[in-house]
Protein backbone atom coordinates (compact mmCIF):
# COMPACT_ATOMS: atom_id res chain seq x y z
CA MET A 1 -61.79 -83.38 -27.94
CA LYS A 2 -64.48 -80.92 -28.99
CA CYS A 3 -64.10 -77.19 -28.25
CA PRO A 4 -66.70 -75.59 -25.98
CA GLU A 5 -69.51 -73.65 -27.66
CA SER A 6 -68.39 -70.33 -26.17
CA TYR A 7 -64.88 -70.76 -27.57
CA ARG A 8 -66.27 -71.41 -31.07
CA THR A 9 -68.49 -68.34 -30.77
CA ARG A 10 -65.52 -66.13 -29.81
CA GLN A 11 -63.53 -67.44 -32.77
CA LEU A 12 -66.44 -66.69 -35.11
CA PHE A 13 -66.81 -63.12 -33.80
CA THR A 14 -63.04 -62.55 -34.10
CA LEU A 15 -63.06 -63.74 -37.72
CA VAL A 16 -66.06 -61.53 -38.55
CA ASN A 17 -64.43 -58.47 -36.93
CA LYS A 18 -61.17 -59.00 -38.81
CA THR A 19 -63.05 -59.33 -42.11
CA MET A 20 -65.08 -56.16 -41.46
CA LEU A 21 -61.98 -54.23 -40.37
CA SER A 22 -59.99 -55.21 -43.46
CA GLY A 23 -62.94 -54.23 -45.66
CA LEU A 24 -63.22 -50.83 -43.97
CA LEU A 25 -59.49 -50.22 -44.34
CA LYS A 26 -59.65 -51.09 -48.04
CA LYS A 27 -62.58 -48.70 -48.54
CA LYS A 28 -60.73 -45.94 -46.68
CA ALA A 29 -57.62 -46.48 -48.79
CA VAL A 30 -59.69 -46.31 -51.99
CA LYS A 31 -61.48 -43.15 -50.80
CA SER A 32 -58.25 -41.44 -49.74
CA SER A 33 -56.52 -42.29 -53.02
CA SER A 34 -59.49 -41.02 -55.04
CA PHE A 35 -59.60 -37.87 -52.90
CA LEU A 36 -55.89 -37.27 -53.49
CA SER A 37 -56.26 -37.82 -57.21
CA GLN A 38 -59.18 -35.38 -57.37
CA GLY A 39 -57.26 -32.83 -55.34
CA PHE A 40 -54.25 -33.20 -57.62
CA ILE A 41 -56.46 -32.50 -60.65
CA PHE A 42 -57.65 -29.25 -59.07
CA VAL A 43 -54.10 -28.20 -58.15
CA LEU A 44 -52.68 -29.09 -61.57
CA PRO A 45 -53.64 -25.86 -63.46
CA GLY A 46 -52.13 -23.64 -60.76
CA PHE A 47 -49.04 -25.83 -60.60
CA PHE A 48 -48.55 -25.57 -64.38
CA GLY A 49 -48.96 -21.79 -64.19
CA PHE A 50 -46.41 -21.61 -61.38
CA CYS A 51 -43.92 -23.70 -63.36
CA ILE A 52 -44.38 -21.79 -66.63
CA PHE A 53 -44.50 -18.22 -65.31
CA PHE A 54 -42.31 -18.45 -62.16
CA LEU A 55 -40.19 -21.58 -61.83
CA PHE A 56 -39.00 -21.83 -65.43
CA PRO A 57 -38.04 -18.11 -65.78
CA PHE A 58 -36.28 -18.23 -62.42
CA GLY A 59 -34.26 -21.30 -63.42
CA LEU A 60 -33.41 -19.68 -66.75
CA SER A 61 -32.24 -16.50 -65.01
CA MET A 62 -30.04 -18.57 -62.71
CA ILE A 63 -28.37 -20.06 -65.81
CA TYR A 64 -27.87 -16.59 -67.33
CA ALA A 65 -26.20 -15.44 -64.11
CA PHE A 66 -23.21 -17.65 -64.96
CA MET A 67 -22.98 -16.67 -68.66
CA ASP A 68 -21.55 -13.61 -70.38
CA LYS A 69 -24.66 -13.05 -72.54
CA PRO A 70 -28.09 -14.67 -72.82
CA ILE A 71 -27.87 -15.64 -76.52
CA ASP A 72 -24.95 -17.82 -77.66
CA GLY A 73 -23.20 -17.05 -74.39
CA SER A 74 -20.38 -18.96 -72.74
CA PHE A 75 -19.98 -20.08 -69.16
CA ILE A 76 -17.86 -17.60 -67.14
CA GLY A 77 -18.40 -18.87 -63.59
CA PHE A 78 -18.75 -16.22 -60.89
CA ALA A 79 -17.41 -13.36 -63.00
CA ASN A 80 -20.82 -11.64 -63.10
CA PHE A 81 -21.06 -11.75 -59.30
CA SER A 82 -17.52 -10.40 -58.97
CA SER A 83 -18.25 -7.43 -61.23
CA LEU A 84 -21.61 -6.95 -59.49
CA PHE A 85 -20.03 -6.38 -56.09
CA GLN A 86 -17.63 -3.89 -57.68
CA ASN A 87 -20.52 -1.82 -59.01
CA ARG A 88 -21.10 1.28 -56.87
CA ALA A 89 -24.78 1.57 -57.79
CA TYR A 90 -25.42 -2.03 -56.70
CA ILE A 91 -23.58 -1.57 -53.40
CA ARG A 92 -25.55 1.61 -52.73
CA GLY A 93 -28.82 -0.19 -53.45
CA LEU A 94 -27.84 -3.15 -51.28
CA VAL A 95 -26.88 -0.95 -48.32
CA ASN A 96 -30.04 1.15 -48.66
CA THR A 97 -32.23 -1.96 -48.85
CA ILE A 98 -30.66 -3.45 -45.72
CA ARG A 99 -30.96 -0.10 -43.93
CA PHE A 100 -34.61 0.24 -44.91
CA ILE A 101 -35.43 -3.29 -43.69
CA GLY A 102 -33.48 -2.76 -40.46
CA ILE A 103 -35.49 0.38 -39.65
CA SER A 104 -38.94 -0.32 -41.07
CA ALA A 105 -39.37 -3.96 -39.98
CA PRO A 106 -38.89 -3.33 -36.21
CA LEU A 107 -41.08 -0.21 -36.39
CA ASN A 108 -43.74 -2.27 -38.14
CA LEU A 109 -43.75 -4.51 -35.06
CA ILE A 110 -43.71 -1.83 -32.36
CA PHE A 111 -46.47 0.43 -33.68
CA PRO A 112 -48.99 -2.35 -34.55
CA LEU A 113 -48.36 -4.00 -31.17
CA CYS A 114 -49.05 -0.74 -29.30
CA ILE A 115 -52.17 -0.12 -31.40
CA ALA A 116 -53.42 -3.69 -30.82
CA ILE A 117 -52.95 -3.40 -27.05
CA LEU A 118 -54.83 -0.09 -27.01
CA LEU A 119 -57.65 -1.46 -29.19
CA LYS A 120 -57.93 -4.50 -26.92
CA ARG A 121 -58.83 -2.17 -24.05
CA ILE A 122 -61.38 -0.21 -26.07
CA ILE A 123 -64.89 -1.61 -25.74
CA LYS A 124 -67.00 0.86 -27.71
CA GLY A 125 -66.06 1.61 -31.30
CA ARG A 126 -63.29 -1.01 -31.53
CA LYS A 127 -64.40 -2.11 -35.00
CA TRP A 128 -64.38 1.46 -36.32
CA PHE A 129 -60.91 2.16 -34.95
CA SER A 130 -59.67 -1.11 -36.48
CA LEU A 131 -61.21 -0.16 -39.80
CA VAL A 132 -59.19 3.07 -39.88
CA PHE A 133 -55.93 1.09 -39.86
CA LEU A 134 -57.19 -1.53 -42.33
CA ILE A 135 -58.31 0.92 -45.02
CA PRO A 136 -54.74 1.41 -46.43
CA LEU A 137 -54.61 -2.30 -47.27
CA VAL A 138 -57.42 -1.98 -49.82
CA ILE A 139 -56.52 1.39 -51.37
CA PRO A 140 -55.21 0.95 -54.95
CA CYS A 141 -51.54 1.73 -55.41
CA GLY A 142 -52.20 4.36 -58.10
CA SER A 143 -54.55 6.36 -55.88
CA MET A 144 -52.17 6.11 -52.97
CA VAL A 145 -49.18 7.29 -55.04
CA PHE A 146 -51.17 10.25 -56.38
CA PHE A 147 -52.07 11.25 -52.82
CA TRP A 148 -48.48 11.04 -51.52
CA LYS A 149 -47.09 12.93 -54.52
CA THR A 150 -49.67 15.66 -53.98
CA LEU A 151 -48.79 15.81 -50.29
CA PHE A 152 -44.97 15.63 -50.37
CA SER A 153 -44.03 17.32 -53.65
CA TYR A 154 -42.17 20.63 -53.44
CA GLU A 155 -45.28 22.55 -54.48
CA GLY A 156 -47.55 20.15 -52.63
CA ALA A 157 -50.13 20.51 -49.89
CA LEU A 158 -47.73 20.02 -46.99
CA ASN A 159 -45.32 22.73 -48.13
CA GLY A 160 -48.30 24.98 -48.82
CA LEU A 161 -49.41 24.51 -45.22
CA LEU A 162 -45.90 25.22 -43.92
CA ASN A 163 -45.69 28.31 -46.10
CA ASN A 164 -48.87 29.68 -44.51
CA PHE A 165 -47.10 29.61 -41.13
CA GLY A 166 -44.00 31.32 -42.55
CA ILE A 167 -41.88 28.14 -42.64
CA VAL A 168 -39.50 27.59 -45.56
CA LYS A 169 -40.52 24.89 -48.03
CA VAL A 170 -38.91 21.49 -47.57
CA SER A 171 -37.78 19.20 -50.39
CA TRP A 172 -39.36 16.08 -48.90
CA LEU A 173 -38.50 13.70 -51.75
CA ASP A 174 -35.10 15.10 -52.76
CA SER A 175 -33.21 15.41 -49.46
CA PHE A 176 -32.15 13.31 -46.49
CA ILE A 177 -35.81 13.37 -45.35
CA ALA A 178 -36.76 11.11 -48.28
CA LEU A 179 -35.91 7.94 -46.33
CA PRO A 180 -38.10 8.82 -43.31
CA VAL A 181 -40.91 9.73 -45.72
CA MET A 182 -40.71 6.31 -47.41
CA ILE A 183 -40.61 4.57 -44.01
CA PHE A 184 -43.72 6.52 -43.01
CA ILE A 185 -45.50 5.44 -46.22
CA PHE A 186 -44.47 1.83 -45.58
CA LEU A 187 -45.82 1.92 -42.02
CA TRP A 188 -49.05 3.56 -43.15
CA LYS A 189 -49.54 0.82 -45.72
CA ASN A 190 -48.60 -2.25 -43.67
CA CYS A 191 -49.37 -1.34 -40.07
CA GLY A 192 -52.94 -2.63 -40.24
CA TYR A 193 -51.97 -6.17 -41.28
CA ASN A 194 -49.67 -6.70 -38.30
CA MET A 195 -52.24 -5.09 -36.04
CA VAL A 196 -54.74 -7.82 -37.01
CA LEU A 197 -52.12 -10.49 -36.27
CA PHE A 198 -51.40 -9.05 -32.82
CA LEU A 199 -55.13 -8.68 -32.05
CA ALA A 200 -55.58 -12.37 -32.85
CA GLY A 201 -52.55 -13.24 -30.70
CA LEU A 202 -53.88 -11.18 -27.77
CA GLY A 203 -57.23 -12.93 -28.07
CA ASN A 204 -55.53 -16.34 -27.72
CA ILE A 205 -53.84 -15.50 -24.41
CA PRO A 206 -55.81 -17.20 -21.58
CA LYS A 207 -57.49 -14.73 -19.23
CA ASP A 208 -56.45 -16.88 -16.27
CA TYR A 209 -52.89 -15.62 -16.68
CA TYR A 210 -53.98 -12.01 -16.21
CA GLU A 211 -56.31 -12.83 -13.34
CA ALA A 212 -53.53 -14.65 -11.51
CA ALA A 213 -51.17 -11.72 -12.12
CA TRP A 214 -53.65 -9.16 -10.74
CA MET A 215 -54.26 -11.36 -7.67
CA ASP A 216 -50.49 -11.32 -7.07
CA ASN A 217 -50.53 -7.49 -7.32
CA ALA A 218 -48.38 -7.47 -10.47
CA SER A 219 -47.84 -4.10 -12.10
CA SER A 220 -48.91 -3.30 -15.68
CA PHE A 221 -45.28 -3.38 -16.79
CA GLN A 222 -44.77 -6.82 -15.24
CA VAL A 223 -47.95 -8.13 -16.92
CA LEU A 224 -46.71 -6.78 -20.25
CA THR A 225 -43.19 -8.20 -19.97
CA ARG A 226 -43.97 -11.48 -18.18
CA ILE A 227 -47.25 -12.51 -19.84
CA THR A 228 -48.23 -10.51 -22.94
CA LEU A 229 -44.91 -10.30 -24.79
CA PRO A 230 -43.79 -13.93 -24.17
CA CYS A 231 -47.18 -15.25 -25.30
CA LEU A 232 -47.04 -13.03 -28.40
CA LEU A 233 -43.56 -14.16 -29.41
CA PRO A 234 -44.69 -16.64 -32.15
CA THR A 235 -47.10 -14.03 -33.52
CA GLY A 236 -44.34 -11.42 -33.43
CA ILE A 237 -41.99 -13.61 -35.46
CA LEU A 238 -44.71 -14.19 -38.05
CA ALA A 239 -45.35 -10.43 -38.20
CA LEU A 240 -41.60 -9.85 -38.60
CA ILE A 241 -41.46 -12.28 -41.54
CA MET A 242 -44.35 -10.49 -43.23
CA SER A 243 -42.75 -7.11 -42.55
CA VAL A 244 -39.47 -8.19 -44.16
CA ILE A 245 -41.29 -9.57 -47.21
CA ASN A 246 -43.44 -6.43 -47.55
CA SER A 247 -40.40 -4.18 -47.18
CA PHE A 248 -39.11 -5.51 -50.51
CA LYS A 249 -42.39 -4.37 -52.10
CA ILE A 250 -41.86 -0.70 -51.22
CA PHE A 251 -40.01 -0.30 -54.53
CA ARG A 252 -43.34 0.09 -56.34
CA GLU A 253 -44.28 3.16 -54.31
CA ILE A 254 -40.77 4.65 -54.43
CA TYR A 255 -40.55 4.10 -58.18
CA LEU A 256 -43.95 5.63 -58.92
CA ILE A 257 -43.30 8.62 -56.65
CA THR A 258 -39.65 9.42 -57.42
CA GLY A 259 -38.90 7.64 -60.73
CA SER A 260 -36.06 5.37 -61.87
CA TYR A 261 -33.26 7.42 -60.32
CA PRO A 262 -34.38 8.74 -56.93
CA ARG A 263 -32.19 10.32 -54.27
CA GLU A 264 -29.26 8.14 -53.24
CA ASN A 265 -30.57 7.33 -49.75
CA ILE A 266 -33.72 5.65 -51.17
CA TYR A 267 -32.08 3.97 -54.19
CA SER A 268 -32.84 0.26 -53.63
CA LEU A 269 -31.85 -3.06 -55.16
CA GLN A 270 -35.07 -3.11 -57.16
CA HIS A 271 -34.09 0.23 -58.74
CA PHE A 272 -30.79 -1.28 -59.82
CA MET A 273 -32.45 -4.36 -61.30
CA ASN A 274 -35.11 -2.29 -63.05
CA ASN A 275 -32.42 -0.08 -64.61
CA MET A 276 -30.41 -3.13 -65.69
CA PHE A 277 -33.51 -4.55 -67.35
CA ALA A 278 -34.17 -1.25 -69.14
CA SER A 279 -30.59 -1.24 -70.46
CA LEU A 280 -30.81 -4.97 -71.38
CA ASN A 281 -27.85 -5.82 -69.14
CA TYR A 282 -29.03 -9.34 -68.40
CA PRO A 283 -25.84 -10.70 -66.74
CA LYS A 284 -25.96 -8.05 -63.99
CA LEU A 285 -29.75 -8.32 -63.74
CA THR A 286 -29.77 -12.08 -63.25
CA SER A 287 -26.80 -12.11 -60.86
CA ALA A 288 -28.44 -9.36 -58.76
CA THR A 289 -31.67 -11.39 -58.76
CA ALA A 290 -29.79 -14.48 -57.57
CA VAL A 291 -28.19 -12.57 -54.69
CA LEU A 292 -31.54 -11.08 -53.68
CA VAL A 293 -33.28 -14.46 -53.73
CA ILE A 294 -30.52 -16.02 -51.63
CA MET A 295 -30.81 -13.17 -49.10
CA ILE A 296 -34.60 -13.58 -48.82
CA VAL A 297 -34.41 -17.38 -48.52
CA ILE A 298 -31.74 -17.29 -45.79
CA LEU A 299 -33.53 -14.60 -43.82
CA THR A 300 -36.98 -16.19 -44.02
CA GLN A 301 -35.64 -19.67 -43.19
CA PHE A 302 -33.86 -18.27 -40.15
CA LEU A 303 -37.05 -16.53 -38.98
CA LEU A 304 -39.18 -19.63 -39.64
CA HIS A 305 -36.71 -21.75 -37.66
CA LEU A 306 -36.92 -19.22 -34.84
CA GLU A 307 -40.72 -19.34 -34.98
CA ARG A 308 -40.78 -23.15 -34.77
CA LYS A 309 -38.31 -23.08 -31.89
CA THR A 310 -40.35 -20.56 -29.89
CA ALA A 311 -43.63 -22.37 -30.65
CA SER A 312 -42.21 -25.67 -29.40
């Protein structure tokens, strides 16, 4: 029995479609593989640089952390870590670093958030006000350190101003005030970055939420706590991660302003590691580096997990 003409036509079209589809899939697979190979070639130089200058030295330092000396050394287990936590200078640096992060990171969320909310309400001159807070991000570190040393040194501009009003000079960098001074420098340097993040987060909040809240006669405090802050939670966690990472970079400013051995309340882990490197004490240096890396990894992974959980 012969098949109808329409049935044969449908079979022919089905065969043609399958052939065309398989050909397109093969072409896509070839294009994607060539694209990946080209992309890998472009990434390869940076990857080699990362392995040679970062990954390999880090792995080597992790090996030295379990040896008594870097050259012809023997494996001693966790003895370096045990002696490290018995070192008073290391404990002081660890406590000061944790204290600095615990104070500066929350402040670097509160102030940029308040500034971003105020800038969001400003219509005229918003770009100029934003520029004022972004300028510290592009100022070279050397120029910035020279300015702060000129301002806060014992014979500096600030004490000269206080002296004109009959106020006794203050040792800003060699007293208990040194920690608040360094926190102020940190906020001045990093406040603008988080402000940009919060401005972007505020711009992504739908205006319908606010319009519905005003129609329900919600107060400004209720709008802030029920709409603005919950919607900014993922942005806030990202800003907190960046604040924690940047807080470890404050060592550069502290070192250039106060030297290798500053006052005890601003002596950080980076000071300890820098001094161990200067004295060629590689076992303590590498073990301190390992502890610091573990701290940063645990903290950032916890914050990233929190960010993914709030985003979902």
